[in-house]
Amino acid sequence: MIDCTHNEQVKAMPDAEVLAAYERTNGEPGNPEADALLAELKRRNLGE
């Protein structure tokens, strides 16, 4: 599991790894891991 509370770790991940990690979450709002990964996907223009 990725510690998504450490934003620098997430920022250093390749796009495909961020997407795969997000897909492994339930994607529910309020899930800290899903929220952090979704924010990073949006920052990279890869998310909704």
N, C-alpha and C. Protein backbone atom coordinates (compact mmCIF):
# COMPACT_ATOMS: atom_id res chain seq x y z
N MET A 1 0.84 -1.18 0.00
CA MET A 1 0.00 0.00 0.00
C MET A 1 0.89 1.24 0.00
N ILE A 2 0.48 2.24 -0.71
CA ILE A 2 1.21 3.48 -0.82
C ILE A 2 0.74 4.42 0.27
N ASP A 3 1.68 5.09 0.93
CA ASP A 3 1.31 6.07 1.94
C ASP A 3 1.03 7.39 1.23
N CYS A 4 -0.22 7.61 0.91
CA CYS A 4 -0.62 8.78 0.13
C CYS A 4 -0.67 10.05 0.96
N THR A 5 -0.41 9.93 2.24
CA THR A 5 -0.36 11.13 3.05
C THR A 5 0.95 11.87 2.80
N HIS A 6 1.90 11.22 2.16
CA HIS A 6 3.17 11.85 1.79
C HIS A 6 3.09 12.23 0.32
N ASN A 7 2.65 13.45 0.08
CA ASN A 7 2.37 13.92 -1.26
C ASN A 7 3.57 13.81 -2.19
N GLU A 8 4.78 14.01 -1.68
CA GLU A 8 5.97 13.94 -2.52
C GLU A 8 6.16 12.54 -3.09
N GLN A 9 5.81 11.53 -2.33
CA GLN A 9 5.90 10.15 -2.81
C GLN A 9 4.94 9.95 -3.97
N VAL A 10 3.73 10.47 -3.85
CA VAL A 10 2.74 10.32 -4.91
C VAL A 10 3.17 11.09 -6.15
N LYS A 11 3.68 12.31 -5.96
CA LYS A 11 4.12 13.12 -7.10
C LYS A 11 5.24 12.46 -7.88
N ALA A 12 6.05 11.65 -7.21
CA ALA A 12 7.18 10.99 -7.86
C ALA A 12 6.77 9.73 -8.63
N MET A 13 5.55 9.26 -8.42
CA MET A 13 5.10 8.04 -9.07
C MET A 13 4.79 8.28 -10.55
N PRO A 14 5.07 7.29 -11.40
CA PRO A 14 4.67 7.40 -12.81
C PRO A 14 3.14 7.44 -12.93
N ASP A 15 2.65 8.03 -14.02
CA ASP A 15 1.20 8.15 -14.24
C ASP A 15 0.49 6.81 -14.08
N ALA A 16 1.01 5.79 -14.72
CA ALA A 16 0.34 4.48 -14.70
C ALA A 16 0.24 3.93 -13.29
N GLU A 17 1.25 4.18 -12.47
CA GLU A 17 1.24 3.68 -11.10
C GLU A 17 0.21 4.43 -10.26
N VAL A 18 0.09 5.74 -10.46
CA VAL A 18 -0.92 6.52 -9.74
C VAL A 18 -2.31 6.03 -10.12
N LEU A 19 -2.53 5.84 -11.40
CA LEU A 19 -3.84 5.36 -11.87
C LEU A 19 -4.15 3.98 -11.31
N ALA A 20 -3.18 3.08 -11.35
CA ALA A 20 -3.39 1.72 -10.83
C ALA A 20 -3.68 1.76 -9.33
N ALA A 21 -2.96 2.60 -8.60
CA ALA A 21 -3.18 2.71 -7.15
C ALA A 21 -4.59 3.24 -6.88
N TYR A 22 -5.01 4.23 -7.65
CA TYR A 22 -6.37 4.78 -7.46
C TYR A 22 -7.42 3.70 -7.75
N GLU A 23 -7.21 2.93 -8.79
CA GLU A 23 -8.17 1.88 -9.16
C GLU A 23 -8.26 0.80 -8.08
N ARG A 24 -7.21 0.64 -7.28
CA ARG A 24 -7.24 -0.34 -6.19
C ARG A 24 -8.01 0.17 -4.97
N THR A 25 -8.29 1.47 -4.93
CA THR A 25 -9.08 2.02 -3.82
C THR A 25 -10.56 1.87 -4.16
N ASN A 26 -11.40 2.17 -3.19
CA ASN A 26 -12.83 2.10 -3.47
C ASN A 26 -13.32 3.37 -4.16
N GLY A 27 -12.48 4.40 -4.21
CA GLY A 27 -12.84 5.64 -4.88
C GLY A 27 -13.88 6.47 -4.16
N GLU A 28 -14.24 6.05 -2.95
CA GLU A 28 -15.26 6.75 -2.18
C GLU A 28 -14.71 8.07 -1.64
N PRO A 29 -15.48 9.16 -1.79
CA PRO A 29 -15.07 10.41 -1.17
C PRO A 29 -14.90 10.21 0.34
N GLY A 30 -13.88 10.81 0.90
CA GLY A 30 -13.61 10.64 2.32
C GLY A 30 -12.56 9.59 2.59
N ASN A 31 -12.25 8.77 1.59
CA ASN A 31 -11.16 7.80 1.73
C ASN A 31 -9.87 8.59 1.47
N PRO A 32 -9.02 8.77 2.49
CA PRO A 32 -7.84 9.62 2.33
C PRO A 32 -6.92 9.18 1.19
N GLU A 33 -6.75 7.88 1.02
CA GLU A 33 -5.89 7.38 -0.04
C GLU A 33 -6.49 7.70 -1.41
N ALA A 34 -7.77 7.40 -1.58
CA ALA A 34 -8.44 7.66 -2.85
C ALA A 34 -8.45 9.15 -3.16
N ASP A 35 -8.71 9.98 -2.14
CA ASP A 35 -8.75 11.42 -2.34
C ASP A 35 -7.40 11.96 -2.79
N ALA A 36 -6.32 11.50 -2.16
CA ALA A 36 -4.98 11.97 -2.51
C ALA A 36 -4.60 11.54 -3.93
N LEU A 37 -4.92 10.32 -4.27
CA LEU A 37 -4.59 9.83 -5.61
C LEU A 37 -5.43 10.53 -6.67
N LEU A 38 -6.70 10.75 -6.40
CA LEU A 38 -7.55 11.45 -7.35
C LEU A 38 -7.06 12.89 -7.56
N ALA A 39 -6.66 13.54 -6.48
CA ALA A 39 -6.13 14.90 -6.60
C ALA A 39 -4.90 14.92 -7.48
N GLU A 40 -4.05 13.92 -7.33
CA GLU A 40 -2.84 13.86 -8.16
C GLU A 40 -3.20 13.57 -9.62
N LEU A 41 -4.17 12.69 -9.85
CA LEU A 41 -4.60 12.42 -11.21
C LEU A 41 -5.16 13.68 -11.86
N LYS A 42 -5.92 14.44 -11.11
CA LYS A 42 -6.47 15.70 -11.65
C LYS A 42 -5.36 16.70 -11.92
N ARG A 43 -4.37 16.77 -11.02
CA ARG A 43 -3.25 17.69 -11.19
C ARG A 43 -2.51 17.38 -12.50
N ARG A 44 -2.45 16.10 -12.83
CA ARG A 44 -1.76 15.67 -14.06
C ARG A 44 -2.70 15.66 -15.28
N ASN A 45 -3.92 16.12 -15.09
CA ASN A 45 -4.93 16.10 -16.14
C ASN A 45 -5.23 14.70 -16.62
N LEU A 46 -5.23 13.76 -15.69
CA LEU A 46 -5.54 12.36 -16.02
C LEU A 46 -6.86 11.91 -15.40
N GLY A 47 -7.42 12.74 -14.51
CA GLY A 47 -8.63 12.36 -13.80
C GLY A 47 -9.84 13.08 -14.34
N GLU A 48 -10.94 12.85 -13.68
CA GLU A 48 -12.23 13.45 -14.08
C GLU A 48 -12.20 14.95 -13.99
